[in-house]
Amino acid sequence: MLKAKATLFLIFMLSCVGQVPAAPSFLTTSKQDRASRESAAGGYALLRELAEKESNVDKILILKNPSERVAKVLKDITDTFSDLKSEWPNGLPDPSTLPSLNKVLPDTERRARASIESETTKLVLTSSGADFEYHILLSQVKALGYADHLTRALLRQEKSPRALALLKKYQDKFRKLNNRTSDLLRDRASKRSNK
């Protein structure tokens, strides 16, 4: 009887050779969830930084006097990002829990962004008339396009219904503002080229 059990056990073990058991689903899910949460936290940190900067874009109107249409779109951009910051607690992660951009972005990317920001600021501050409007609108088309795509990426990762609703609302606002700003930019680019 013992010999029969040993033989059956040996046959069973041999039939299992080459089969690798799958990792338990709770381990895989946990690792995937952790990576997804870390990625989303980085995305939220980038969106929060963008909201901080863009909620002050209308401050340029203290120094510059663009056309009424350009001033209006700059105020609307400021209002939209200010509203996002105000609504942030209604479903998005607490900003104090988000990682610093030093952890989110590689050093080279941070330096490249700082260089772009410095050059853009210089162009905006040292230009006037149609050139000023062109440079400020170009910078805002880039910022709004980035905000649109960043919220789109966060929408793919997010599971919270409240966060999803808020992200969708602002992605739509960013896209519409980007379309308006792009239209103004095309108009200013043609005026600039007719000089």
N, C-alpha and C. Protein backbone atom coordinates (compact mmCIF):
# COMPACT_ATOMS: atom_id res chain seq x y z
N MET A 1 0.83 -1.19 0.00
CA MET A 1 0.00 0.00 0.00
C MET A 1 0.88 1.26 0.00
N LEU A 2 1.91 1.27 0.80
CA LEU A 2 2.82 2.40 0.87
C LEU A 2 3.53 2.60 -0.45
N LYS A 3 3.89 1.48 -1.09
CA LYS A 3 4.55 1.54 -2.39
C LYS A 3 3.60 2.12 -3.43
N ALA A 4 2.33 1.83 -3.39
CA ALA A 4 1.34 2.33 -4.34
C ALA A 4 1.16 3.84 -4.16
N LYS A 5 1.11 4.31 -2.90
CA LYS A 5 0.97 5.73 -2.62
C LYS A 5 2.21 6.49 -3.11
N ALA A 6 3.38 5.92 -2.87
CA ALA A 6 4.62 6.56 -3.31
C ALA A 6 4.66 6.65 -4.83
N THR A 7 4.20 5.59 -5.50
CA THR A 7 4.18 5.59 -6.96
C THR A 7 3.22 6.66 -7.49
N LEU A 8 2.03 6.72 -6.89
CA LEU A 8 1.06 7.74 -7.30
C LEU A 8 1.62 9.15 -7.06
N PHE A 9 2.27 9.36 -5.93
CA PHE A 9 2.87 10.66 -5.62
C PHE A 9 3.94 11.01 -6.65
N LEU A 10 4.78 10.02 -7.01
CA LEU A 10 5.83 10.23 -7.99
C LEU A 10 5.23 10.56 -9.36
N ILE A 11 4.17 9.88 -9.76
CA ILE A 11 3.51 10.15 -11.04
C ILE A 11 2.93 11.57 -11.02
N PHE A 12 2.31 11.95 -9.91
CA PHE A 12 1.75 13.29 -9.77
C PHE A 12 2.83 14.35 -9.89
N MET A 13 3.94 14.15 -9.20
CA MET A 13 5.04 15.13 -9.21
C MET A 13 5.65 15.24 -10.61
N LEU A 14 5.79 14.11 -11.28
CA LEU A 14 6.34 14.14 -12.64
C LEU A 14 5.40 14.86 -13.61
N SER A 15 4.12 14.75 -13.39
CA SER A 15 3.16 15.42 -14.28
C SER A 15 3.19 16.93 -14.07
N CYS A 16 3.68 17.36 -12.93
CA CYS A 16 3.76 18.79 -12.63
C CYS A 16 5.06 19.43 -13.10
N VAL A 17 6.02 18.63 -13.52
CA VAL A 17 7.32 19.17 -13.95
C VAL A 17 7.08 20.10 -15.13
N GLY A 18 7.71 21.25 -15.08
CA GLY A 18 7.60 22.23 -16.16
C GLY A 18 6.46 23.21 -15.96
N GLN A 19 5.62 22.95 -15.01
CA GLN A 19 4.54 23.88 -14.74
C GLN A 19 4.98 24.83 -13.62
N VAL A 20 4.97 26.11 -13.92
CA VAL A 20 5.35 27.10 -12.93
C VAL A 20 4.06 27.70 -12.38
N PRO A 21 3.90 27.61 -11.08
CA PRO A 21 2.67 28.17 -10.52
C PRO A 21 2.65 29.69 -10.69
N ALA A 22 1.48 30.22 -10.96
CA ALA A 22 1.32 31.67 -11.09
C ALA A 22 1.44 32.31 -9.72
N ALA A 23 1.91 33.55 -9.70
CA ALA A 23 1.98 34.29 -8.44
C ALA A 23 0.56 34.52 -7.94
N PRO A 24 0.39 34.47 -6.65
CA PRO A 24 -0.94 34.72 -6.12
C PRO A 24 -1.45 36.09 -6.58
N SER A 25 -2.72 36.17 -6.91
CA SER A 25 -3.27 37.41 -7.46
C SER A 25 -3.14 38.58 -6.50
N PHE A 26 -3.22 38.33 -5.19
CA PHE A 26 -3.10 39.44 -4.25
C PHE A 26 -1.71 40.07 -4.28
N LEU A 27 -0.67 39.31 -4.61
CA LEU A 27 0.68 39.88 -4.71
C LEU A 27 0.82 40.69 -5.99
N THR A 28 0.35 40.15 -7.09
CA THR A 28 0.44 40.84 -8.37
C THR A 28 -0.36 42.14 -8.34
N THR A 29 -1.57 42.07 -7.89
CA THR A 29 -2.42 43.24 -7.83
C THR A 29 -1.81 44.30 -6.95
N SER A 30 -1.28 43.90 -5.81
CA SER A 30 -0.69 44.86 -4.88
C SER A 30 0.47 45.60 -5.52
N LYS A 31 1.35 44.85 -6.22
CA LYS A 31 2.49 45.47 -6.89
C LYS A 31 2.02 46.41 -7.99
N GLN A 32 1.05 45.95 -8.77
CA GLN A 32 0.52 46.78 -9.86
C GLN A 32 -0.17 48.01 -9.31
N ASP A 33 -0.95 47.83 -8.26
CA ASP A 33 -1.65 48.97 -7.65
C ASP A 33 -0.66 49.99 -7.10
N ARG A 34 0.39 49.50 -6.46
CA ARG A 34 1.40 50.40 -5.90
C ARG A 34 2.07 51.21 -7.00
N ALA A 35 2.45 50.54 -8.08
CA ALA A 35 3.10 51.23 -9.21
C ALA A 35 2.14 52.25 -9.83
N SER A 36 0.88 51.86 -9.96
CA SER A 36 -0.11 52.76 -10.54
C SER A 36 -0.34 53.98 -9.63
N ARG A 37 -0.41 53.75 -8.32
CA ARG A 37 -0.59 54.86 -7.37
C ARG A 37 0.60 55.80 -7.40
N GLU A 38 1.81 55.25 -7.48
CA GLU A 38 3.02 56.09 -7.53
C GLU A 38 3.04 56.91 -8.81
N SER A 39 2.67 56.29 -9.91
CA SER A 39 2.63 56.99 -11.19
C SER A 39 1.58 58.10 -11.16
N ALA A 40 0.40 57.79 -10.64
CA ALA A 40 -0.66 58.79 -10.54
C ALA A 40 -0.25 59.92 -9.61
N ALA A 41 0.41 59.60 -8.50
CA ALA A 41 0.85 60.64 -7.57
C ALA A 41 1.82 61.60 -8.26
N GLY A 42 2.71 61.06 -9.08
CA GLY A 42 3.61 61.90 -9.85
C GLY A 42 2.85 62.79 -10.83
N GLY A 43 1.84 62.22 -11.47
CA GLY A 43 1.00 63.00 -12.39
C GLY A 43 0.26 64.11 -11.68
N TYR A 44 -0.27 63.79 -10.51
CA TYR A 44 -0.96 64.82 -9.74
C TYR A 44 0.01 65.91 -9.27
N ALA A 45 1.22 65.54 -8.93
CA ALA A 45 2.22 66.54 -8.53
C ALA A 45 2.51 67.49 -9.69
N LEU A 46 2.62 66.94 -10.90
CA LEU A 46 2.86 67.77 -12.09
C LEU A 46 1.66 68.68 -12.37
N LEU A 47 0.45 68.15 -12.24
CA LEU A 47 -0.75 68.95 -12.46
C LEU A 47 -0.87 70.05 -11.42
N ARG A 48 -0.54 69.74 -10.18
CA ARG A 48 -0.63 70.75 -9.12
C ARG A 48 0.39 71.88 -9.38
N GLU A 49 1.61 71.51 -9.78
CA GLU A 49 2.62 72.54 -10.07
C GLU A 49 2.15 73.42 -11.22
N LEU A 50 1.59 72.82 -12.25
CA LEU A 50 1.08 73.58 -13.39
C LEU A 50 -0.05 74.52 -12.94
N ALA A 51 -0.95 74.03 -12.10
CA ALA A 51 -2.05 74.85 -11.60
C ALA A 51 -1.51 76.04 -10.79
N GLU A 52 -0.47 75.81 -10.00
CA GLU A 52 0.12 76.90 -9.21
C GLU A 52 0.65 77.99 -10.14
N LYS A 53 1.35 77.60 -11.19
CA LYS A 53 1.93 78.59 -12.11
C LYS A 53 0.86 79.28 -12.96
N GLU A 54 -0.03 78.49 -13.54
CA GLU A 54 -1.01 79.04 -14.47
C GLU A 54 -2.09 79.87 -13.76
N SER A 55 -2.28 79.67 -12.48
CA SER A 55 -3.27 80.48 -11.76
C SER A 55 -2.77 81.91 -11.55
N ASN A 56 -1.55 82.18 -11.96
CA ASN A 56 -0.99 83.53 -11.85
C ASN A 56 -0.65 84.15 -13.20
N VAL A 57 -1.05 83.52 -14.29
CA VAL A 57 -0.65 84.00 -15.61
C VAL A 57 -1.19 85.41 -15.90
N ASP A 58 -2.30 85.77 -15.32
CA ASP A 58 -2.85 87.11 -15.59
C ASP A 58 -2.06 88.23 -14.91
N LYS A 59 -1.11 87.88 -14.05
CA LYS A 59 -0.28 88.90 -13.40
C LYS A 59 0.53 89.68 -14.44
N ILE A 60 0.76 89.09 -15.61
CA ILE A 60 1.49 89.77 -16.68
C ILE A 60 0.75 91.02 -17.12
N LEU A 61 -0.56 91.06 -16.89
CA LEU A 61 -1.36 92.21 -17.31
C LEU A 61 -1.03 93.46 -16.49
N ILE A 62 -0.31 93.29 -15.39
CA ILE A 62 0.16 94.44 -14.62
C ILE A 62 1.23 95.19 -15.42
N LEU A 63 2.03 94.43 -16.16
CA LEU A 63 3.14 95.01 -16.92
C LEU A 63 2.81 95.25 -18.39
N LYS A 64 1.93 94.43 -18.94
CA LYS A 64 1.65 94.49 -20.38
C LYS A 64 0.18 94.82 -20.62
N ASN A 65 -0.08 95.42 -21.77
CA ASN A 65 -1.44 95.83 -22.11
C ASN A 65 -1.84 95.22 -23.46
N PRO A 66 -2.18 93.94 -23.47
CA PRO A 66 -2.56 93.30 -24.73
C PRO A 66 -3.97 93.70 -25.15
N SER A 67 -4.37 93.19 -26.30
CA SER A 67 -5.74 93.43 -26.77
C SER A 67 -6.73 92.84 -25.77
N GLU A 68 -7.96 93.31 -25.89
CA GLU A 68 -9.01 92.85 -24.98
C GLU A 68 -9.21 91.33 -25.06
N ARG A 69 -9.17 90.77 -26.28
CA ARG A 69 -9.38 89.33 -26.45
C ARG A 69 -8.26 88.52 -25.79
N VAL A 70 -7.03 88.98 -25.93
CA VAL A 70 -5.91 88.26 -25.32
C VAL A 70 -5.99 88.38 -23.79
N ALA A 71 -6.28 89.58 -23.29
CA ALA A 71 -6.42 89.77 -21.84
C ALA A 71 -7.52 88.87 -21.29
N LYS A 72 -8.62 88.75 -22.02
CA LYS A 72 -9.75 87.92 -21.58
C LYS A 72 -9.35 86.45 -21.49
N VAL A 73 -8.65 85.95 -22.51
CA VAL A 73 -8.27 84.54 -22.47
C VAL A 73 -7.26 84.30 -21.34
N LEU A 74 -6.36 85.23 -21.08
CA LEU A 74 -5.41 85.07 -19.97
C LEU A 74 -6.15 85.04 -18.63
N LYS A 75 -7.15 85.89 -18.48
CA LYS A 75 -7.95 85.88 -17.24
C LYS A 75 -8.73 84.57 -17.11
N ASP A 76 -9.27 84.08 -18.23
CA ASP A 76 -10.01 82.81 -18.19
C ASP A 76 -9.09 81.63 -17.83
N ILE A 77 -7.86 81.65 -18.33
CA ILE A 77 -6.89 80.61 -17.98
C ILE A 77 -6.58 80.67 -16.49
N THR A 78 -6.33 81.89 -16.00
CA THR A 78 -6.07 82.06 -14.57
C THR A 78 -7.25 81.55 -13.74
N ASP A 79 -8.45 81.94 -14.13
CA ASP A 79 -9.65 81.52 -13.38
C ASP A 79 -9.81 80.00 -13.39
N THR A 80 -9.57 79.38 -14.53
CA THR A 80 -9.73 77.92 -14.64
C THR A 80 -8.75 77.20 -13.72
N PHE A 81 -7.49 77.59 -13.74
CA PHE A 81 -6.51 76.93 -12.88
C PHE A 81 -6.73 77.28 -11.40
N SER A 82 -7.20 78.50 -11.12
CA SER A 82 -7.53 78.86 -9.73
C SER A 82 -8.70 78.02 -9.24
N ASP A 83 -9.70 77.82 -10.12
CA ASP A 83 -10.85 76.97 -9.76
C ASP A 83 -10.40 75.54 -9.50
N LEU A 84 -9.48 75.04 -10.33
CA LEU A 84 -8.97 73.68 -10.11
C LEU A 84 -8.32 73.59 -8.73
N LYS A 85 -7.51 74.57 -8.37
CA LYS A 85 -6.87 74.56 -7.05
C LYS A 85 -7.93 74.60 -5.95
N SER A 86 -8.98 75.39 -6.14
CA SER A 86 -10.05 75.48 -5.13
C SER A 86 -10.83 74.18 -5.00
N GLU A 87 -11.05 73.52 -6.13
CA GLU A 87 -11.82 72.27 -6.13
C GLU A 87 -10.97 71.04 -5.82
N TRP A 88 -9.67 71.21 -5.78
CA TRP A 88 -8.75 70.08 -5.56
C TRP A 88 -9.17 69.21 -4.38
N PRO A 89 -9.50 69.79 -3.22
CA PRO A 89 -9.87 68.95 -2.06
C PRO A 89 -11.13 68.11 -2.26
N ASN A 90 -11.91 68.39 -3.30
CA ASN A 90 -13.16 67.67 -3.53
C ASN A 90 -12.99 66.34 -4.26
N GLY A 91 -11.80 65.78 -4.24
CA GLY A 91 -11.65 64.47 -4.86
C GLY A 91 -10.24 64.14 -5.30
N LEU A 92 -9.35 65.11 -5.33
CA LEU A 92 -7.99 64.85 -5.74
C LEU A 92 -7.08 64.72 -4.51
N PRO A 93 -5.94 64.06 -4.66
CA PRO A 93 -5.07 63.80 -3.51
C PRO A 93 -4.59 65.08 -2.82
N ASP A 94 -4.50 65.00 -1.50
CA ASP A 94 -4.00 66.12 -0.69
C ASP A 94 -2.62 66.52 -1.21
N PRO A 95 -2.45 67.80 -1.60
CA PRO A 95 -1.15 68.23 -2.14
C PRO A 95 0.03 67.94 -1.22
N SER A 96 -0.20 67.94 0.08
CA SER A 96 0.91 67.69 1.02
C SER A 96 1.39 66.24 0.96
N THR A 97 0.58 65.35 0.37
CA THR A 97 0.98 63.94 0.26
C THR A 97 1.64 63.62 -1.08
N LEU A 98 1.67 64.59 -1.97
CA LEU A 98 2.24 64.34 -3.30
C LEU A 98 3.76 64.39 -3.25
N PRO A 99 4.40 63.61 -4.10
CA PRO A 99 5.87 63.62 -4.12
C PRO A 99 6.39 64.95 -4.68
N SER A 100 7.60 65.31 -4.27
CA SER A 100 8.21 66.52 -4.84
C SER A 100 8.61 66.24 -6.27
N LEU A 101 8.71 67.29 -7.05
CA LEU A 101 9.09 67.10 -8.45
C LEU A 101 10.52 66.59 -8.56
N ASN A 102 11.33 66.77 -7.52
CA ASN A 102 12.68 66.22 -7.52
C ASN A 102 12.64 64.69 -7.59
N LYS A 103 11.58 64.10 -7.03
CA LYS A 103 11.43 62.64 -7.08
C LYS A 103 10.70 62.18 -8.33
N VAL A 104 9.87 63.05 -8.88
CA VAL A 104 9.05 62.68 -10.03
C VAL A 104 9.84 62.78 -11.33
N LEU A 105 10.63 63.85 -11.46
CA LEU A 105 11.34 64.12 -12.71
C LEU A 105 12.83 63.88 -12.58
N PRO A 106 13.44 63.33 -13.60
CA PRO A 106 14.90 63.20 -13.59
C PRO A 106 15.54 64.60 -13.60
N ASP A 107 16.76 64.68 -13.12
CA ASP A 107 17.47 65.95 -13.03
C ASP A 107 17.56 66.66 -14.38
N THR A 108 17.84 65.93 -15.44
CA THR A 108 17.96 66.52 -16.77
C THR A 108 16.64 67.14 -17.21
N GLU A 109 15.54 66.48 -16.92
CA GLU A 109 14.22 67.02 -17.27
C GLU A 109 13.93 68.30 -16.48
N ARG A 110 14.27 68.32 -15.21
CA ARG A 110 14.06 69.52 -14.40
C ARG A 110 14.88 70.69 -14.95
N ARG A 111 16.13 70.42 -15.33
CA ARG A 111 16.97 71.49 -15.90
C ARG A 111 16.42 71.98 -17.23
N ALA A 112 15.96 71.05 -18.07
CA ALA A 112 15.38 71.44 -19.36
C ALA A 112 14.14 72.30 -19.15
N ARG A 113 13.29 71.92 -18.22
CA ARG A 113 12.09 72.71 -17.93
C ARG A 113 12.44 74.09 -17.42
N ALA A 114 13.44 74.18 -16.54
CA ALA A 114 13.86 75.48 -16.01
C ALA A 114 14.40 76.36 -17.13
N SER A 115 15.13 75.77 -18.05
CA SER A 115 15.67 76.52 -19.18
C SER A 115 14.55 77.04 -20.08
N ILE A 116 13.58 76.19 -20.37
CA ILE A 116 12.43 76.59 -21.20
C ILE A 116 11.66 77.71 -20.52
N GLU A 117 11.42 77.57 -19.22
CA GLU A 117 10.67 78.58 -18.48
C GLU A 117 11.41 79.92 -18.47
N SER A 118 12.72 79.87 -18.28
CA SER A 118 13.53 81.09 -18.27
C SER A 118 13.48 81.79 -19.63
N GLU A 119 13.66 81.02 -20.68
CA GLU A 119 13.65 81.60 -22.03
C GLU A 119 12.28 82.16 -22.38
N THR A 120 11.23 81.45 -22.04
CA THR A 120 9.87 81.91 -22.32
C THR A 120 9.58 83.20 -21.56
N THR A 121 9.95 83.24 -20.29
CA THR A 121 9.74 84.45 -19.48
C THR A 121 10.47 85.64 -20.10
N LYS A 122 11.68 85.42 -20.53
CA LYS A 122 12.46 86.49 -21.15
C LYS A 122 11.77 87.00 -22.42
N LEU A 123 11.31 86.07 -23.27
CA LEU A 123 10.63 86.47 -24.51
C LEU A 123 9.36 87.26 -24.21
N VAL A 124 8.59 86.80 -23.22
CA VAL A 124 7.34 87.47 -22.89
C VAL A 124 7.60 88.86 -22.31
N LEU A 125 8.57 88.97 -21.42
CA LEU A 125 8.83 90.25 -20.76
C LEU A 125 9.50 91.28 -21.67
N THR A 126 10.29 90.83 -22.63
CA THR A 126 11.04 91.78 -23.47
C THR A 126 10.33 92.11 -24.78
N SER A 127 9.20 91.51 -25.04
CA SER A 127 8.48 91.79 -26.27
C SER A 127 7.31 92.73 -26.01
N SER A 128 6.77 93.27 -27.10
CA SER A 128 5.60 94.16 -26.96
C SER A 128 4.71 94.00 -28.18
N GLY A 129 3.50 94.54 -28.07
CA GLY A 129 2.56 94.50 -29.18
C GLY A 129 2.23 93.10 -29.64
N ALA A 130 2.21 92.92 -30.96
CA ALA A 130 1.85 91.62 -31.56
C ALA A 130 2.86 90.55 -31.17
N ASP A 131 4.15 90.93 -31.01
CA ASP A 131 5.16 89.94 -30.59
C ASP A 131 4.87 89.44 -29.18
N PHE A 132 4.52 90.34 -28.27
CA PHE A 132 4.17 89.92 -26.90
C PHE A 132 2.98 88.96 -26.95
N GLU A 133 1.94 89.35 -27.66
CA GLU A 133 0.75 88.52 -27.72
C GLU A 133 1.07 87.13 -28.30
N TYR A 134 1.90 87.11 -29.32
CA TYR A 134 2.30 85.84 -29.92
C TYR A 134 3.01 84.96 -28.88
N HIS A 135 4.00 85.51 -28.18
CA HIS A 135 4.77 84.71 -27.22
C HIS A 135 3.94 84.26 -26.02
N ILE A 136 3.10 85.13 -25.49
CA ILE A 136 2.28 84.73 -24.33
C ILE A 136 1.25 83.68 -24.76
N LEU A 137 0.65 83.86 -25.93
CA LEU A 137 -0.33 82.88 -26.40
C LEU A 137 0.32 81.54 -26.72
N LEU A 138 1.50 81.58 -27.32
CA LEU A 138 2.22 80.33 -27.61
C LEU A 138 2.52 79.58 -26.32
N SER A 139 2.96 80.30 -25.29
CA SER A 139 3.25 79.64 -24.01
C SER A 139 1.99 79.03 -23.40
N GLN A 140 0.86 79.69 -23.60
CA GLN A 140 -0.39 79.18 -23.02
C GLN A 140 -0.95 78.01 -23.82
N VAL A 141 -0.76 78.01 -25.13
CA VAL A 141 -1.16 76.84 -25.93
C VAL A 141 -0.39 75.62 -25.46
N LYS A 142 0.90 75.79 -25.22
CA LYS A 142 1.72 74.68 -24.75
C LYS A 142 1.26 74.21 -23.37
N ALA A 143 1.02 75.15 -22.45
CA ALA A 143 0.60 74.79 -21.09
C ALA A 143 -0.76 74.11 -21.09
N LEU A 144 -1.69 74.62 -21.86
CA LEU A 144 -3.04 74.03 -21.90
C LEU A 144 -3.03 72.67 -22.59
N GLY A 145 -2.22 72.52 -23.62
CA GLY A 145 -2.09 71.22 -24.26
C GLY A 145 -1.53 70.19 -23.30
N TYR A 146 -0.52 70.60 -22.54
CA TYR A 146 0.07 69.72 -21.54
C TYR A 146 -0.97 69.36 -20.47
N ALA A 147 -1.73 70.35 -20.00
CA ALA A 147 -2.75 70.10 -18.97
C ALA A 147 -3.81 69.13 -19.50
N ASP A 148 -4.22 69.30 -20.75
CA ASP A 148 -5.20 68.41 -21.36
C ASP A 148 -4.69 66.97 -21.39
N HIS A 149 -3.46 66.78 -21.86
CA HIS A 149 -2.91 65.42 -21.97
C HIS A 149 -2.57 64.82 -20.60
N LEU A 150 -2.14 65.65 -19.67
CA LEU A 150 -1.85 65.16 -18.32
C LEU A 150 -3.13 64.68 -17.64
N THR A 151 -4.20 65.45 -17.75
CA THR A 151 -5.47 65.00 -17.14
C THR A 151 -5.99 63.75 -17.85
N ARG A 152 -5.78 63.67 -19.15
CA ARG A 152 -6.19 62.48 -19.91
C ARG A 152 -5.45 61.24 -19.39
N ALA A 153 -4.15 61.38 -19.15
CA ALA A 153 -3.36 60.25 -18.62
C ALA A 153 -3.83 59.88 -17.22
N LEU A 154 -4.13 60.88 -16.39
CA LEU A 154 -4.61 60.60 -15.03
C LEU A 154 -5.98 59.93 -15.06
N LEU A 155 -6.81 60.31 -16.03
CA LEU A 155 -8.12 59.67 -16.16
C LEU A 155 -8.00 58.17 -16.40
N ARG A 156 -6.96 57.76 -17.12
CA ARG A 156 -6.76 56.32 -17.41
C ARG A 156 -6.33 55.55 -16.17
N GLN A 157 -5.74 56.23 -15.20
CA GLN A 157 -5.24 55.55 -14.01
C GLN A 157 -6.19 55.64 -12.82
N GLU A 158 -7.04 56.63 -12.82
CA GLU A 158 -7.87 56.93 -11.66
C GLU A 158 -9.05 55.97 -11.54
N LYS A 159 -9.40 55.64 -10.31
CA LYS A 159 -10.55 54.76 -10.05
C LYS A 159 -11.64 55.47 -9.25
N SER A 160 -11.28 56.51 -8.52
CA SER A 160 -12.24 57.22 -7.69
C SER A 160 -13.26 57.98 -8.54
N PRO A 161 -14.55 57.74 -8.34
CA PRO A 161 -15.57 58.45 -9.13
C PRO A 161 -15.48 59.97 -8.97
N ARG A 162 -15.19 60.44 -7.77
CA ARG A 162 -15.09 61.90 -7.55
C ARG A 162 -13.91 62.48 -8.32
N ALA A 163 -12.77 61.81 -8.25
CA ALA A 163 -11.59 62.29 -8.97
C ALA A 163 -11.82 62.22 -10.47
N LEU A 164 -12.44 61.14 -10.94
CA LEU A 164 -12.73 61.00 -12.37
C LEU A 164 -13.59 62.15 -12.88
N ALA A 165 -14.62 62.48 -12.12
CA ALA A 165 -15.53 63.57 -12.52
C ALA A 165 -14.78 64.90 -12.58
N LEU A 166 -13.96 65.16 -11.58
CA LEU A 166 -13.21 66.42 -11.54
C LEU A 166 -12.19 66.49 -12.68
N LEU A 167 -11.46 65.41 -12.90
CA LEU A 167 -10.48 65.38 -13.99
C LEU A 167 -11.14 65.57 -15.34
N LYS A 168 -12.26 64.90 -15.56
CA LYS A 168 -12.98 65.01 -16.84
C LYS A 168 -13.45 66.45 -17.04
N LYS A 169 -13.99 67.04 -16.00
CA LYS A 169 -14.47 68.43 -16.08
C LYS A 169 -13.33 69.37 -16.51
N TYR A 170 -12.17 69.22 -15.88
CA TYR A 170 -11.06 70.12 -16.19
C TYR A 170 -10.37 69.77 -17.50
N GLN A 171 -10.35 68.52 -17.87
CA GLN A 171 -9.79 68.18 -19.18
C GLN A 171 -10.60 68.86 -20.27
N ASP A 172 -11.91 68.85 -20.13
CA ASP A 172 -12.79 69.51 -21.10
C ASP A 172 -12.53 71.02 -21.11
N LYS A 173 -12.38 71.62 -19.94
CA LYS A 173 -12.10 73.06 -19.86
C LYS A 173 -10.75 73.39 -20.51
N PHE A 174 -9.74 72.58 -20.23
CA PHE A 174 -8.41 72.82 -20.81
C PHE A 174 -8.46 72.74 -22.33
N ARG A 175 -9.18 71.75 -22.84
CA ARG A 175 -9.27 71.56 -24.30
C ARG A 175 -9.97 72.75 -24.95
N LYS A 176 -11.07 73.20 -24.35
CA LYS A 176 -11.80 74.35 -24.91
C LYS A 176 -10.97 75.63 -24.84
N LEU A 177 -10.31 75.84 -23.72
CA LEU A 177 -9.44 77.02 -23.61
C LEU A 177 -8.28 76.94 -24.59
N ASN A 178 -7.75 75.75 -24.78
CA ASN A 178 -6.65 75.58 -25.74
C ASN A 178 -7.12 75.91 -27.16
N ASN A 179 -8.32 75.51 -27.51
CA ASN A 179 -8.86 75.84 -28.84
C ASN A 179 -8.99 77.35 -29.01
N ARG A 180 -9.54 78.03 -28.00
CA ARG A 180 -9.67 79.49 -28.07
C ARG A 180 -8.31 80.17 -28.18
N THR A 181 -7.38 79.70 -27.36
CA THR A 181 -6.04 80.30 -27.35
C THR A 181 -5.32 80.03 -28.67
N SER A 182 -5.49 78.84 -29.22
CA SER A 182 -4.88 78.50 -30.51
C SER A 182 -5.43 79.39 -31.62
N ASP A 183 -6.74 79.66 -31.59
CA ASP A 183 -7.34 80.56 -32.59
C ASP A 183 -6.72 81.95 -32.51
N LEU A 184 -6.58 82.45 -31.29
CA LEU A 184 -5.96 83.77 -31.10
C LEU A 184 -4.50 83.75 -31.55
N LEU A 185 -3.80 82.67 -31.26
CA LEU A 185 -2.40 82.56 -31.65
C LEU A 185 -2.26 82.60 -33.17
N ARG A 186 -3.12 81.88 -33.88
CA ARG A 186 -3.08 81.91 -35.35
C ARG A 186 -3.29 83.34 -35.86
N ASP A 187 -4.25 84.04 -35.26
CA ASP A 187 -4.53 85.42 -35.65
C ASP A 187 -3.31 86.31 -35.39
N ARG A 188 -2.69 86.15 -34.22
CA ARG A 188 -1.52 86.97 -33.88
C ARG A 188 -0.32 86.62 -34.75
N ALA A 189 -0.19 85.36 -35.09
CA ALA A 189 0.93 84.93 -35.94
C ALA A 189 0.80 85.56 -37.33
N SER A 190 -0.43 85.64 -37.84
CA SER A 190 -0.60 86.26 -39.16
C SER A 190 -0.34 87.77 -39.09
N LYS A 191 -0.75 88.42 -38.02
CA LYS A 191 -0.47 89.86 -37.85
C LYS A 191 1.03 90.10 -37.74
N ARG A 192 1.69 89.19 -37.04
CA ARG A 192 3.13 89.31 -36.83
C ARG A 192 3.88 89.15 -38.15
N SER A 193 3.42 88.22 -38.99
CA SER A 193 4.10 87.98 -40.26
C SER A 193 3.81 89.07 -41.28
N ASN A 194 2.73 89.83 -41.09
CA ASN A 194 2.39 90.92 -42.02
C ASN A 194 3.13 92.22 -41.71
N LYS A 195 3.95 92.20 -40.68
CA LYS A 195 4.69 93.40 -40.30
C LYS A 195 5.72 93.77 -41.33
